[in-house]
Amino acid sequence: VQLQASGGGSAQAGGSLRLSCAASGDSFSNYKMGWFRQAPGTEREFVAGISRSGARTSYADSMKGRFTISRDNAEDLVYLQVTSLSPEDTAVYYCAADRHLSTVAVSRAAHEYDYWGQGTQVTVSS
């Protein structure tokens, strides 16, 4: 599957953004999806994940409340809504797809994801 993230850009602290990730090349509903982010000089970190149907979601503890992941299997899209942005949210945001059909749980581990998009830059100014 190929993934294309979009929706990043510059934003003011306190604002909101919605990131999108378009999938193509395979049946989207076969994949659990996740969002990760990586700030300069740091490791890539898990933000949120969603099950194949969208019924289950998982968030990094520090992301709960301001981040919302959702998906539209009819349109092959996964979204990440971010509110109350802060400069600490500045990072490249990546969407990723997990093809493991034998498990239901949404993984928080980057190595569990098989396919990655190119990332979209989010820059938040104070």
PDB file of N, CA and C in Angstrom:
ATOM      1  N   VAL A   1       0.849  -1.183   0.000  1.00  0.00           N
ATOM      2  CA  VAL A   1       0.000   0.000   0.000  1.00  0.00           C
ATOM      3  C   VAL A   1       0.889   1.237   0.000  1.00  0.00           C
ATOM      4  N   GLN A   2       0.440   2.262  -0.701  1.00  0.00           N
ATOM      5  CA  GLN A   2       1.161   3.540  -0.717  1.00  0.00           C
ATOM      6  C   GLN A   2       0.381   4.547   0.120  1.00  0.00           C
ATOM      7  N   LEU A   3       1.118   5.350   0.869  1.00  0.00           N
ATOM      8  CA  LEU A   3       0.510   6.313   1.775  1.00  0.00           C
ATOM      9  C   LEU A   3       1.005   7.714   1.454  1.00  0.00           C
ATOM     10  N   GLN A   4       0.087   8.656   1.434  1.00  0.00           N
ATOM     11  CA  GLN A   4       0.423  10.045   1.139  1.00  0.00           C
ATOM     12  C   GLN A   4      -0.199  10.931   2.206  1.00  0.00           C
ATOM     13  N   ALA A   5       0.641  11.500   3.044  1.00  0.00           N
ATOM     14  CA  ALA A   5       0.164  12.385   4.108  1.00  0.00           C
ATOM     15  C   ALA A   5       0.103  13.824   3.614  1.00  0.00           C
ATOM     16  N   SER A   6      -0.851  14.560   4.135  1.00  0.00           N
ATOM     17  CA  SER A   6      -0.993  15.970   3.779  1.00  0.00           C
ATOM     18  C   SER A   6      -1.666  16.708   4.921  1.00  0.00           C
ATOM     19  N   GLY A   7      -1.739  18.007   4.781  1.00  0.00           N
ATOM     20  CA  GLY A   7      -2.435  18.809   5.767  1.00  0.00           C
ATOM     21  C   GLY A   7      -1.545  19.536   6.744  1.00  0.00           C
ATOM     22  N   GLY A   8      -0.255  19.292   6.676  1.00  0.00           N
ATOM     23  CA  GLY A   8       0.656  19.994   7.554  1.00  0.00           C
ATOM     24  C   GLY A   8       0.847  21.432   7.103  1.00  0.00           C
ATOM     25  N   GLY A   9       1.631  22.135   7.864  1.00  0.00           N
ATOM     26  CA  GLY A   9       1.907  23.521   7.533  1.00  0.00           C
ATOM     27  C   GLY A   9       2.250  24.286   8.784  1.00  0.00           C
ATOM     28  N   SER A  10       2.119  25.602   8.694  1.00  0.00           N
ATOM     29  CA  SER A  10       2.405  26.471   9.830  1.00  0.00           C
ATOM     30  C   SER A  10       1.113  26.832  10.537  1.00  0.00           C
ATOM     31  N   ALA A  11       1.185  26.882  11.837  1.00  0.00           N
ATOM     32  CA  ALA A  11       0.012  27.221  12.639  1.00  0.00           C
ATOM     33  C   ALA A  11       0.443  27.981  13.874  1.00  0.00           C
ATOM     34  N   GLN A  12      -0.497  28.694  14.425  1.00  0.00           N
ATOM     35  CA  GLN A  12      -0.251  29.434  15.651  1.00  0.00           C
ATOM     36  C   GLN A  12      -0.582  28.556  16.854  1.00  0.00           C
ATOM     37  N   ALA A  13       0.118  28.786  17.936  1.00  0.00           N
ATOM     38  CA  ALA A  13      -0.203  28.080  19.172  1.00  0.00           C
ATOM     39  C   ALA A  13      -1.666  28.332  19.535  1.00  0.00           C
ATOM     40  N   GLY A  14      -2.318  27.277  19.965  1.00  0.00           N
ATOM     41  CA  GLY A  14      -3.725  27.362  20.303  1.00  0.00           C
ATOM     42  C   GLY A  14      -4.652  27.004  19.160  1.00  0.00           C
ATOM     43  N   GLY A  15      -4.101  26.926  17.968  1.00  0.00           N
ATOM     44  CA  GLY A  15      -4.906  26.598  16.804  1.00  0.00           C
ATOM     45  C   GLY A  15      -5.090  25.104  16.620  1.00  0.00           C
ATOM     46  N   SER A  16      -5.639  24.748  15.480  1.00  0.00           N
ATOM     47  CA  SER A  16      -5.936  23.351  15.175  1.00  0.00           C
ATOM     48  C   SER A  16      -5.487  23.013  13.762  1.00  0.00           C
ATOM     49  N   LEU A  17      -5.242  21.737  13.556  1.00  0.00           N
ATOM     50  CA  LEU A  17      -4.920  21.228  12.228  1.00  0.00           C
ATOM     51  C   LEU A  17      -5.578  19.876  12.057  1.00  0.00           C
ATOM     52  N   ARG A  18      -5.881  19.537  10.829  1.00  0.00           N
ATOM     53  CA  ARG A  18      -6.312  18.188  10.520  1.00  0.00           C
ATOM     54  C   ARG A  18      -5.398  17.621   9.449  1.00  0.00           C
ATOM     55  N   LEU A  19      -4.709  16.576   9.804  1.00  0.00           N
ATOM     56  CA  LEU A  19      -3.837  15.880   8.868  1.00  0.00           C
ATOM     57  C   LEU A  19      -4.615  14.756   8.204  1.00  0.00           C
ATOM     58  N   SER A  20      -4.297  14.528   6.950  1.00  0.00           N
ATOM     59  CA  SER A  20      -4.932  13.448   6.199  1.00  0.00           C
ATOM     60  C   SER A  20      -3.871  12.521   5.650  1.00  0.00           C
ATOM     61  N   CYS A  21      -4.257  11.290   5.465  1.00  0.00           N
ATOM     62  CA  CYS A  21      -3.361  10.310   4.856  1.00  0.00           C
ATOM     63  C   CYS A  21      -4.197   9.477   3.891  1.00  0.00           C
ATOM     64  N   ALA A  22      -3.845   9.556   2.629  1.00  0.00           N
ATOM     65  CA  ALA A  22      -4.547   8.817   1.598  1.00  0.00           C
ATOM     66  C   ALA A  22      -3.799   7.528   1.272  1.00  0.00           C
ATOM     67  N   ALA A  23      -4.525   6.448   1.229  1.00  0.00           N
ATOM     68  CA  ALA A  23      -3.935   5.143   0.924  1.00  0.00           C
ATOM     69  C   ALA A  23      -4.350   4.697  -0.462  1.00  0.00           C
ATOM     70  N   SER A  24      -3.458   3.974  -1.105  1.00  0.00           N
ATOM     71  CA  SER A  24      -3.771   3.434  -2.421  1.00  0.00           C
ATOM     72  C   SER A  24      -2.973   2.154  -2.646  1.00  0.00           C
ATOM     73  N   GLY A  25      -3.435   1.340  -3.549  1.00  0.00           N
ATOM     74  CA  GLY A  25      -2.683   0.169  -3.950  1.00  0.00           C
ATOM     75  C   GLY A  25      -3.091  -1.137  -3.306  1.00  0.00           C
ATOM     76  N   ASP A  26      -3.940  -1.079  -2.307  1.00  0.00           N
ATOM     77  CA  ASP A  26      -4.393  -2.302  -1.650  1.00  0.00           C
ATOM     78  C   ASP A  26      -5.687  -1.987  -0.919  1.00  0.00           C
ATOM     79  N   SER A  27      -6.310  -3.027  -0.394  1.00  0.00           N
ATOM     80  CA  SER A  27      -7.554  -2.830   0.328  1.00  0.00           C
ATOM     81  C   SER A  27      -7.288  -2.153   1.667  1.00  0.00           C
ATOM     82  N   PHE A  28      -7.708  -0.907   1.767  1.00  0.00           N
ATOM     83  CA  PHE A  28      -7.391  -0.086   2.931  1.00  0.00           C
ATOM     84  C   PHE A  28      -7.910  -0.692   4.225  1.00  0.00           C
ATOM     85  N   SER A  29      -9.056  -1.319   4.171  1.00  0.00           N
ATOM     86  CA  SER A  29      -9.662  -1.839   5.395  1.00  0.00           C
ATOM     87  C   SER A  29      -8.909  -3.050   5.957  1.00  0.00           C
ATOM     88  N   ASN A  30      -7.907  -3.538   5.245  1.00  0.00           N
ATOM     89  CA  ASN A  30      -7.072  -4.628   5.773  1.00  0.00           C
ATOM     90  C   ASN A  30      -5.986  -4.131   6.716  1.00  0.00           C
ATOM     91  N   TYR A  31      -5.837  -2.820   6.822  1.00  0.00           N
ATOM     92  CA  TYR A  31      -4.721  -2.251   7.567  1.00  0.00           C
ATOM     93  C   TYR A  31      -5.178  -1.514   8.815  1.00  0.00           C
ATOM     94  N   LYS A  32      -4.529  -1.807   9.921  1.00  0.00           N
ATOM     95  CA  LYS A  32      -4.590  -0.901  11.044  1.00  0.00           C
ATOM     96  C   LYS A  32      -3.687   0.281  10.701  1.00  0.00           C
ATOM     97  N   MET A  33      -4.073   1.456  11.138  1.00  0.00           N
ATOM     98  CA  MET A  33      -3.340   2.663  10.770  1.00  0.00           C
ATOM     99  C   MET A  33      -2.838   3.393  12.006  1.00  0.00           C
ATOM    100  N   GLY A  34      -1.731   4.064  11.816  1.00  0.00           N
ATOM    101  CA  GLY A  34      -1.173   4.824  12.930  1.00  0.00           C
ATOM    102  C   GLY A  34      -0.587   6.139  12.455  1.00  0.00           C
ATOM    103  N   TRP A  35      -0.477   7.056  13.397  1.00  0.00           N
ATOM    104  CA  TRP A  35       0.243   8.309  13.183  1.00  0.00           C
ATOM    105  C   TRP A  35       1.406   8.364  14.161  1.00  0.00           C
ATOM    106  N   PHE A  36       2.542   8.755  13.645  1.00  0.00           N
ATOM    107  CA  PHE A  36       3.741   8.972  14.445  1.00  0.00           C
ATOM    108  C   PHE A  36       4.256  10.373  14.139  1.00  0.00           C
ATOM    109  N   ARG A  37       5.131  10.850  14.984  1.00  0.00           N
ATOM    110  CA  ARG A  37       5.761  12.140  14.704  1.00  0.00           C
ATOM    111  C   ARG A  37       7.211  12.100  15.136  1.00  0.00           C
ATOM    112  N   GLN A  38       7.996  12.945  14.502  1.00  0.00           N
ATOM    113  CA  GLN A  38       9.415  13.033  14.823  1.00  0.00           C
ATOM    114  C   GLN A  38       9.861  14.474  14.759  1.00  0.00           C
ATOM    115  N   ALA A  39      10.304  14.981  15.888  1.00  0.00           N
ATOM    116  CA  ALA A  39      10.861  16.320  15.973  1.00  0.00           C
ATOM    117  C   ALA A  39      12.370  16.238  15.748  1.00  0.00           C
ATOM    118  N   PRO A  40      12.989  17.332  15.329  1.00  0.00           N
ATOM    119  CA  PRO A  40      14.439  17.318  15.087  1.00  0.00           C
ATOM    120  C   PRO A  40      15.214  16.842  16.304  1.00  0.00           C
ATOM    121  N   GLY A  41      16.117  15.914  16.092  1.00  0.00           N
ATOM    122  CA  GLY A  41      16.969  15.429  17.164  1.00  0.00           C
ATOM    123  C   GLY A  41      16.304  14.447  18.104  1.00  0.00           C
ATOM    124  N   THR A  42      15.107  14.006  17.766  1.00  0.00           N
ATOM    125  CA  THR A  42      14.408  13.062  18.634  1.00  0.00           C
ATOM    126  C   THR A  42      14.041  11.807  17.849  1.00  0.00           C
ATOM    127  N   GLU A  43      13.651  10.784  18.580  1.00  0.00           N
ATOM    128  CA  GLU A  43      13.199   9.564  17.933  1.00  0.00           C
ATOM    129  C   GLU A  43      11.735   9.698  17.509  1.00  0.00           C
ATOM    130  N   ARG A  44      11.370   8.901  16.545  1.00  0.00           N
ATOM    131  CA  ARG A  44       9.984   8.885  16.110  1.00  0.00           C
ATOM    132  C   ARG A  44       9.116   8.350  17.243  1.00  0.00           C
ATOM    133  N   GLU A  45       7.996   9.033  17.505  1.00  0.00           N
ATOM    134  CA  GLU A  45       7.142   8.616  18.608  1.00  0.00           C
ATOM    135  C   GLU A  45       5.715   8.372  18.121  1.00  0.00           C
ATOM    136  N   PHE A  46       5.098   7.433  18.766  1.00  0.00           N
ATOM    137  CA  PHE A  46       3.712   7.086  18.474  1.00  0.00           C
ATOM    138  C   PHE A  46       2.792   8.211  18.930  1.00  0.00           C
ATOM    139  N   VAL A  47       1.812   8.521  18.084  1.00  0.00           N
ATOM    140  CA  VAL A  47       0.813   9.527  18.434  1.00  0.00           C
ATOM    141  C   VAL A  47      -0.537   8.858  18.662  1.00  0.00           C
ATOM    142  N   ALA A  48      -1.001   8.131  17.653  1.00  0.00           N
ATOM    143  CA  ALA A  48      -2.324   7.511  17.735  1.00  0.00           C
ATOM    144  C   ALA A  48      -2.415   6.384  16.725  1.00  0.00           C
ATOM    145  N   GLY A  49      -3.327   5.447  17.011  1.00  0.00           N
ATOM    146  CA  GLY A  49      -3.562   4.340  16.096  1.00  0.00           C
ATOM    147  C   GLY A  49      -5.041   3.993  16.069  1.00  0.00           C
ATOM    148  N   ILE A  50      -5.447   3.317  15.003  1.00  0.00           N
ATOM    149  CA  ILE A  50      -6.856   2.986  14.832  1.00  0.00           C
ATOM    150  C   ILE A  50      -6.968   1.611  14.195  1.00  0.00           C
ATOM    151  N   SER A  51      -7.982   0.882  14.625  1.00  0.00           N
ATOM    152  CA  SER A  51      -8.198  -0.469  14.116  1.00  0.00           C
ATOM    153  C   SER A  51      -8.739  -0.434  12.690  1.00  0.00           C
ATOM    154  N   ARG A  52      -8.850  -1.599  12.103  1.00  0.00           N
ATOM    155  CA  ARG A  52      -9.283  -1.679  10.703  1.00  0.00           C
ATOM    156  C   ARG A  52     -10.687  -1.113  10.495  1.00  0.00           C
ATOM    157  N   SER A  53     -11.548  -1.365  11.426  1.00  0.00           N
ATOM    158  CA  SER A  53     -12.926  -0.878  11.285  1.00  0.00           C
ATOM    159  C   SER A  53     -13.099   0.546  11.790  1.00  0.00           C
ATOM    160  N   GLY A  54     -12.141   0.991  12.589  1.00  0.00           N
ATOM    161  CA  GLY A  54     -12.257   2.296  13.222  1.00  0.00           C
ATOM    162  C   GLY A  54     -12.890   2.246  14.598  1.00  0.00           C
ATOM    163  N   ALA A  55     -13.280   1.061  15.030  1.00  0.00           N
ATOM    164  CA  ALA A  55     -13.974   0.946  16.313  1.00  0.00           C
ATOM    165  C   ALA A  55     -13.038   1.125  17.505  1.00  0.00           C
ATOM    166  N   ARG A  56     -11.759   0.805  17.294  1.00  0.00           N
ATOM    167  CA  ARG A  56     -10.792   0.918  18.390  1.00  0.00           C
ATOM    168  C   ARG A  56      -9.735   1.952  18.052  1.00  0.00           C
ATOM    169  N   THR A  57      -9.401   2.753  19.040  1.00  0.00           N
ATOM    170  CA  THR A  57      -8.327   3.717  18.886  1.00  0.00           C
ATOM    171  C   THR A  57      -7.375   3.609  20.066  1.00  0.00           C
ATOM    172  N   SER A  58      -6.180   4.081  19.847  1.00  0.00           N
ATOM    173  CA  SER A  58      -5.170   4.081  20.897  1.00  0.00           C
ATOM    174  C   SER A  58      -4.379   5.372  20.766  1.00  0.00           C
ATOM    175  N   TYR A  59      -4.059   5.969  21.906  1.00  0.00           N
ATOM    176  CA  TYR A  59      -3.310   7.214  21.914  1.00  0.00           C
ATOM    177  C   TYR A  59      -2.144   7.104  22.878  1.00  0.00           C
ATOM    178  N   ALA A  60      -1.056   7.768  22.520  1.00  0.00           N
ATOM    179  CA  ALA A  60       0.022   7.920  23.485  1.00  0.00           C
ATOM    180  C   ALA A  60      -0.524   8.700  24.663  1.00  0.00           C
ATOM    181  N   ASP A  61      -0.064   8.366  25.845  1.00  0.00           N
ATOM    182  CA  ASP A  61      -0.614   8.990  27.050  1.00  0.00           C
ATOM    183  C   ASP A  61      -0.532  10.508  26.984  1.00  0.00           C
ATOM    184  N   SER A  62       0.547  11.014  26.455  1.00  0.00           N
ATOM    185  CA  SER A  62       0.733  12.465  26.406  1.00  0.00           C
ATOM    186  C   SER A  62      -0.114  13.129  25.333  1.00  0.00           C
ATOM    187  N   MET A  63      -0.735  12.329  24.468  1.00  0.00           N
ATOM    188  CA  MET A  63      -1.507  12.872  23.352  1.00  0.00           C
ATOM    189  C   MET A  63      -3.013  12.850  23.606  1.00  0.00           C
ATOM    190  N   LYS A  64      -3.415  12.193  24.669  1.00  0.00           N
ATOM    191  CA  LYS A  64      -4.846  12.059  24.924  1.00  0.00           C
ATOM    192  C   LYS A  64      -5.477  13.419  25.160  1.00  0.00           C
ATOM    193  N   GLY A  65      -6.618  13.611  24.538  1.00  0.00           N
ATOM    194  CA  GLY A  65      -7.377  14.830  24.757  1.00  0.00           C
ATOM    195  C   GLY A  65      -7.238  15.849  23.651  1.00  0.00           C
ATOM    196  N   ARG A  66      -6.063  15.953  23.030  1.00  0.00           N
ATOM    197  CA  ARG A  66      -5.864  16.954  21.981  1.00  0.00           C
ATOM    198  C   ARG A  66      -5.784  16.340  20.591  1.00  0.00           C
ATOM    199  N   PHE A  67      -5.602  15.046  20.526  1.00  0.00           N
ATOM    200  CA  PHE A  67      -5.443  14.363  19.255  1.00  0.00           C
ATOM    201  C   PHE A  67      -6.610  13.401  19.050  1.00  0.00           C
ATOM    202  N   THR A  68      -7.139  13.373  17.842  1.00  0.00           N
ATOM    203  CA  THR A  68      -8.211  12.453  17.503  1.00  0.00           C
ATOM    204  C   THR A  68      -7.904  11.799  16.167  1.00  0.00           C
ATOM    205  N   ILE A  69      -7.850  10.490  16.183  1.00  0.00           N
ATOM    206  CA  ILE A  69      -7.632   9.740  14.951  1.00  0.00           C
ATOM    207  C   ILE A  69      -8.960   9.183  14.477  1.00  0.00           C
ATOM    208  N   SER A  70      -9.161   9.197  13.180  1.00  0.00           N
ATOM    209  CA  SER A  70     -10.371   8.633  12.593  1.00  0.00           C
ATOM    210  C   SER A  70     -10.029   8.133  11.193  1.00  0.00           C
ATOM    211  N   ARG A  71     -10.944   7.362  10.630  1.00  0.00           N
ATOM    212  CA  ARG A  71     -10.696   6.849   9.288  1.00  0.00           C
ATOM    213  C   ARG A  71     -12.001   6.762   8.512  1.00  0.00           C
ATOM    214  N   ASP A  72     -11.867   6.799   7.214  1.00  0.00           N
ATOM    215  CA  ASP A  72     -12.984   6.646   6.297  1.00  0.00           C
ATOM    216  C   ASP A  72     -12.608   5.540   5.322  1.00  0.00           C
ATOM    217  N   ASN A  73     -13.094   4.352   5.577  1.00  0.00           N
ATOM    218  CA  ASN A  73     -12.713   3.215   4.746  1.00  0.00           C
ATOM    219  C   ASN A  73     -13.314   3.292   3.341  1.00  0.00           C
ATOM    220  N   ALA A  74     -14.361   4.036   3.182  1.00  0.00           N
ATOM    221  CA  ALA A  74     -14.944   4.200   1.846  1.00  0.00           C
ATOM    222  C   ALA A  74     -14.070   5.086   0.967  1.00  0.00           C
ATOM    223  N   GLU A  75     -13.345   6.006   1.611  1.00  0.00           N
ATOM    224  CA  GLU A  75     -12.501   6.938   0.876  1.00  0.00           C
ATOM    225  C   GLU A  75     -11.012   6.614   1.005  1.00  0.00           C
ATOM    226  N   ASP A  76     -10.675   5.552   1.751  1.00  0.00           N
ATOM    227  CA  ASP A  76      -9.269   5.155   1.951  1.00  0.00           C
ATOM    228  C   ASP A  76      -8.454   6.276   2.584  1.00  0.00           C
ATOM    229  N   LEU A  77      -9.025   6.876   3.616  1.00  0.00           N
ATOM    230  CA  LEU A  77      -8.379   7.994   4.283  1.00  0.00           C
ATOM    231  C   LEU A  77      -8.323   7.763   5.782  1.00  0.00           C
ATOM    232  N   VAL A  78      -7.246   8.230   6.373  1.00  0.00           N
ATOM    233  CA  VAL A  78      -7.137   8.287   7.830  1.00  0.00           C
ATOM    234  C   VAL A  78      -6.765   9.716   8.192  1.00  0.00           C
ATOM    235  N   TYR A  79      -7.333  10.187   9.296  1.00  0.00           N
ATOM    236  CA  TYR A  79      -7.164  11.575   9.710  1.00  0.00           C
ATOM    237  C   TYR A  79      -6.554  11.652  11.102  1.00  0.00           C
ATOM    238  N   LEU A  80      -5.913  12.777  11.343  1.00  0.00           N
ATOM    239  CA  LEU A  80      -5.456  13.107  12.691  1.00  0.00           C
ATOM    240  C   LEU A  80      -5.830  14.566  12.949  1.00  0.00           C
ATOM    241  N   GLN A  81      -6.772  14.747  13.829  1.00  0.00           N
ATOM    242  CA  GLN A  81      -7.180  16.092  14.243  1.00  0.00           C
ATOM    243  C   GLN A  81      -6.372  16.480  15.463  1.00  0.00           C
ATOM    244  N   VAL A  82      -5.773  17.655  15.431  1.00  0.00           N
ATOM    245  CA  VAL A  82      -4.969  18.149  16.546  1.00  0.00           C
ATOM    246  C   VAL A  82      -5.513  19.506  16.960  1.00  0.00           C
ATOM    247  N   THR A  83      -5.813  19.661  18.232  1.00  0.00           N
ATOM    248  CA  THR A  83      -6.317  20.928  18.757  1.00  0.00           C
ATOM    249  C   THR A  83      -5.347  21.477  19.790  1.00  0.00           C
ATOM    250  N   SER A  84      -5.572  22.726  20.156  1.00  0.00           N
ATOM    251  CA  SER A  84      -4.728  23.396  21.153  1.00  0.00           C
ATOM    252  C   SER A  84      -3.247  23.186  20.861  1.00  0.00           C
ATOM    253  N   LEU A  85      -2.867  23.484  19.652  1.00  0.00           N
ATOM    254  CA  LEU A  85      -1.486  23.278  19.235  1.00  0.00           C
ATOM    255  C   LEU A  85      -0.514  24.067  20.104  1.00  0.00           C
ATOM    256  N   SER A  86       0.642  23.470  20.298  1.00  0.00           N
ATOM    257  CA  SER A  86       1.720  24.161  21.014  1.00  0.00           C
ATOM    258  C   SER A  86       3.005  23.984  20.209  1.00  0.00           C
ATOM    259  N   PRO A  87       3.993  24.846  20.452  1.00  0.00           N
ATOM    260  CA  PRO A  87       5.263  24.697  19.727  1.00  0.00           C
ATOM    261  C   PRO A  87       5.882  23.303  19.881  1.00  0.00           C
ATOM    262  N   GLU A  88       5.563  22.626  20.970  1.00  0.00           N
ATOM    263  CA  GLU A  88       6.085  21.281  21.190  1.00  0.00           C
ATOM    264  C   GLU A  88       5.495  20.254  20.217  1.00  0.00           C
ATOM    265  N   ASP A  89       4.465  20.634  19.516  1.00  0.00           N
ATOM    266  CA  ASP A  89       3.879  19.745  18.503  1.00  0.00           C
ATOM    267  C   ASP A  89       4.609  19.848  17.166  1.00  0.00           C
ATOM    268  N   THR A  90       5.543  20.757  17.064  1.00  0.00           N
ATOM    269  CA  THR A  90       6.310  20.903  15.837  1.00  0.00           C
ATOM    270  C   THR A  90       7.090  19.625  15.548  1.00  0.00           C
ATOM    271  N   ALA A  91       6.835  19.044  14.402  1.00  0.00           N
ATOM    272  CA  ALA A  91       7.451  17.771  14.035  1.00  0.00           C
ATOM    273  C   ALA A  91       7.018  17.399  12.622  1.00  0.00           C
ATOM    274  N   VAL A  92       7.659  16.384  12.094  1.00  0.00           N
ATOM    275  CA  VAL A  92       7.156  15.750  10.883  1.00  0.00           C
ATOM    276  C   VAL A  92       6.217  14.634  11.324  1.00  0.00           C
ATOM    277  N   TYR A  93       5.021  14.640  10.777  1.00  0.00           N
ATOM    278  CA  TYR A  93       4.015  13.651  11.138  1.00  0.00           C
ATOM    279  C   TYR A  93       3.923  12.610  10.015  1.00  0.00           C
ATOM    280  N   TYR A  94       3.976  11.367  10.424  1.00  0.00           N
ATOM    281  CA  TYR A  94       3.949  10.249   9.482  1.00  0.00           C
ATOM    282  C   TYR A  94       2.721   9.377   9.713  1.00  0.00           C
ATOM    283  N   CYS A  95       2.100   8.948   8.635  1.00  0.00           N
ATOM    284  CA  CYS A  95       1.087   7.914   8.765  1.00  0.00           C
ATOM    285  C   CYS A  95       1.729   6.583   8.398  1.00  0.00           C
ATOM    286  N   ALA A  96       1.197   5.532   8.970  1.00  0.00           N
ATOM    287  CA  ALA A  96       1.769   4.207   8.768  1.00  0.00           C
ATOM    288  C   ALA A  96       0.671   3.163   8.774  1.00  0.00           C
ATOM    289  N   ALA A  97       0.935   2.056   8.103  1.00  0.00           N
ATOM    290  CA  ALA A  97      -0.052   0.988   7.959  1.00  0.00           C
ATOM    291  C   ALA A  97       0.506  -0.326   8.493  1.00  0.00           C
ATOM    292  N   ASP A  98      -0.307  -0.988   9.274  1.00  0.00           N
ATOM    293  CA  ASP A  98       0.041  -2.270   9.901  1.00  0.00           C
ATOM    294  C   ASP A  98      -0.790  -3.361   9.243  1.00  0.00           C
ATOM    295  N   ARG A  99      -0.087  -4.294   8.588  1.00  0.00           N
ATOM    296  CA  ARG A  99      -0.768  -5.328   7.804  1.00  0.00           C
ATOM    297  C   ARG A  99      -1.037  -6.608   8.594  1.00  0.00           C
ATOM    298  N   HIS A 100      -0.671  -6.665   9.865  1.00  0.00           N
ATOM    299  CA  HIS A 100      -0.783  -7.901  10.635  1.00  0.00           C
ATOM    300  C   HIS A 100      -2.252  -8.243  10.859  1.00  0.00           C
ATOM    301  N   LEU A 101      -2.738  -9.222  10.116  1.00  0.00           N
ATOM    302  CA  LEU A 101      -4.147  -9.597  10.172  1.00  0.00           C
ATOM    303  C   LEU A 101      -4.473 -10.480  11.366  1.00  0.00           C
ATOM    304  N   SER A 102      -3.455 -11.057  11.980  1.00  0.00           N
ATOM    305  CA  SER A 102      -3.700 -12.015  13.053  1.00  0.00           C
ATOM    306  C   SER A 102      -3.964 -11.343  14.392  1.00  0.00           C
ATOM    307  N   THR A 103      -3.742 -10.047  14.471  1.00  0.00           N
ATOM    308  CA  THR A 103      -3.954  -9.348  15.739  1.00  0.00           C
ATOM    309  C   THR A 103      -4.988  -8.242  15.568  1.00  0.00           C
ATOM    310  N   VAL A 104      -5.721  -8.003  16.629  1.00  0.00           N
ATOM    311  CA  VAL A 104      -6.734  -6.951  16.628  1.00  0.00           C
ATOM    312  C   VAL A 104      -6.209  -5.680  17.275  1.00  0.00           C
ATOM    313  N   ALA A 105      -5.340  -5.863  18.255  1.00  0.00           N
ATOM    314  CA  ALA A 105      -4.857  -4.721  19.020  1.00  0.00           C
ATOM    315  C   ALA A 105      -4.104  -3.745  18.130  1.00  0.00           C
ATOM    316  N   VAL A 106      -4.260  -2.472  18.433  1.00  0.00           N
ATOM    317  CA  VAL A 106      -3.556  -1.413  17.718  1.00  0.00           C
ATOM    318  C   VAL A 106      -2.179  -1.248  18.345  1.00  0.00           C
ATOM    319  N   SER A 107      -1.157  -1.404  17.539  1.00  0.00           N
ATOM    320  CA  SER A 107       0.191  -1.338  18.066  1.00  0.00           C
ATOM    321  C   SER A 107       0.672   0.103  18.205  1.00  0.00           C
ATOM    322  N   ARG A 108       1.514   0.311  19.214  1.00  0.00           N
ATOM    323  CA  ARG A 108       2.159   1.603  19.412  1.00  0.00           C
ATOM    324  C   ARG A 108       3.623   1.564  18.975  1.00  0.00           C
ATOM    325  N   ALA A 109       4.063   0.419  18.522  1.00  0.00           N
ATOM    326  CA  ALA A 109       5.467   0.231  18.170  1.00  0.00           C
ATOM    327  C   ALA A 109       5.685   0.467  16.682  1.00  0.00           C
ATOM    328  N   ALA A 110       6.615   1.331  16.372  1.00  0.00           N
ATOM    329  CA  ALA A 110       6.881   1.665  14.977  1.00  0.00           C
ATOM    330  C   ALA A 110       7.263   0.431  14.162  1.00  0.00           C
ATOM    331  N   HIS A 111       7.993  -0.500  14.763  1.00  0.00           N
ATOM    332  CA  HIS A 111       8.454  -1.663  14.008  1.00  0.00           C
ATOM    333  C   HIS A 111       7.314  -2.603  13.611  1.00  0.00           C
ATOM    334  N   GLU A 112       6.137  -2.414  14.200  1.00  0.00           N
ATOM    335  CA  GLU A 112       4.986  -3.239  13.835  1.00  0.00           C
ATOM    336  C   GLU A 112       4.302  -2.755  12.559  1.00  0.00           C
ATOM    337  N   TYR A 113       4.657  -1.561  12.116  1.00  0.00           N
ATOM    338  CA  TYR A 113       4.025  -0.975  10.947  1.00  0.00           C
ATOM    339  C   TYR A 113       4.870  -1.280   9.711  1.00  0.00           C
ATOM    340  N   ASP A 114       4.183  -1.703   8.668  1.00  0.00           N
ATOM    341  CA  ASP A 114       4.870  -2.206   7.485  1.00  0.00           C
ATOM    342  C   ASP A 114       5.099  -1.150   6.412  1.00  0.00           C
ATOM    343  N   TYR A 115       4.237  -0.176   6.364  1.00  0.00           N
ATOM    344  CA  TYR A 115       4.319   0.825   5.302  1.00  0.00           C
ATOM    345  C   TYR A 115       4.212   2.220   5.910  1.00  0.00           C
ATOM    346  N   TRP A 116       4.959   3.140   5.304  1.00  0.00           N
ATOM    347  CA  TRP A 116       5.029   4.500   5.829  1.00  0.00           C
ATOM    348  C   TRP A 116       4.829   5.511   4.718  1.00  0.00           C
ATOM    349  N   GLY A 117       4.159   6.592   5.065  1.00  0.00           N
ATOM    350  CA  GLY A 117       4.071   7.711   4.156  1.00  0.00           C
ATOM    351  C   GLY A 117       5.315   8.580   4.268  1.00  0.00           C
ATOM    352  N   GLN A 118       5.365   9.614   3.474  1.00  0.00           N
ATOM    353  CA  GLN A 118       6.564  10.454   3.402  1.00  0.00           C
ATOM    354  C   GLN A 118       6.633  11.496   4.509  1.00  0.00           C
ATOM    355  N   GLY A 119       5.562  11.690   5.214  1.00  0.00           N
ATOM    356  CA  GLY A 119       5.557  12.663   6.299  1.00  0.00           C
ATOM    357  C   GLY A 119       5.075  14.034   5.852  1.00  0.00           C
ATOM    358  N   THR A 120       4.473  14.735   6.770  1.00  0.00           N
ATOM    359  CA  THR A 120       4.044  16.111   6.519  1.00  0.00           C
ATOM    360  C   THR A 120       4.498  16.971   7.689  1.00  0.00           C
ATOM    361  N   GLN A 121       5.110  18.098   7.377  1.00  0.00           N
ATOM    362  CA  GLN A 121       5.701  18.958   8.405  1.00  0.00           C
ATOM    363  C   GLN A 121       4.635  19.821   9.062  1.00  0.00           C
ATOM    364  N   VAL A 122       4.659  19.836  10.372  1.00  0.00           N
ATOM    365  CA  VAL A 122       3.811  20.735  11.155  1.00  0.00           C
ATOM    366  C   VAL A 122       4.732  21.646  11.957  1.00  0.00           C
ATOM    367  N   THR A 123       4.542  22.929  11.802  1.00  0.00           N
ATOM    368  CA  THR A 123       5.342  23.916  12.530  1.00  0.00           C
ATOM    369  C   THR A 123       4.401  24.838  13.282  1.00  0.00           C
ATOM    370  N   VAL A 124       4.548  24.872  14.589  1.00  0.00           N
ATOM    371  CA  VAL A 124       3.676  25.680  15.435  1.00  0.00           C
ATOM    372  C   VAL A 124       4.494  26.797  16.064  1.00  0.00           C
ATOM    373  N   SER A 125       4.042  28.005  15.877  1.00  0.00           N
ATOM    374  CA  SER A 125       4.739  29.164  16.438  1.00  0.00           C
ATOM    375  C   SER A 125       3.944  29.734  17.603  1.00  0.00           C
ATOM    376  N   SER A 126       4.672  30.293  18.535  1.00  0.00           N
ATOM    377  CA  SER A 126       4.013  30.842  19.735  1.00  0.00           C
ATOM    378  C   SER A 126       3.596  32.285  19.526  1.00  0.00           C
TER     379      SER A 126
END
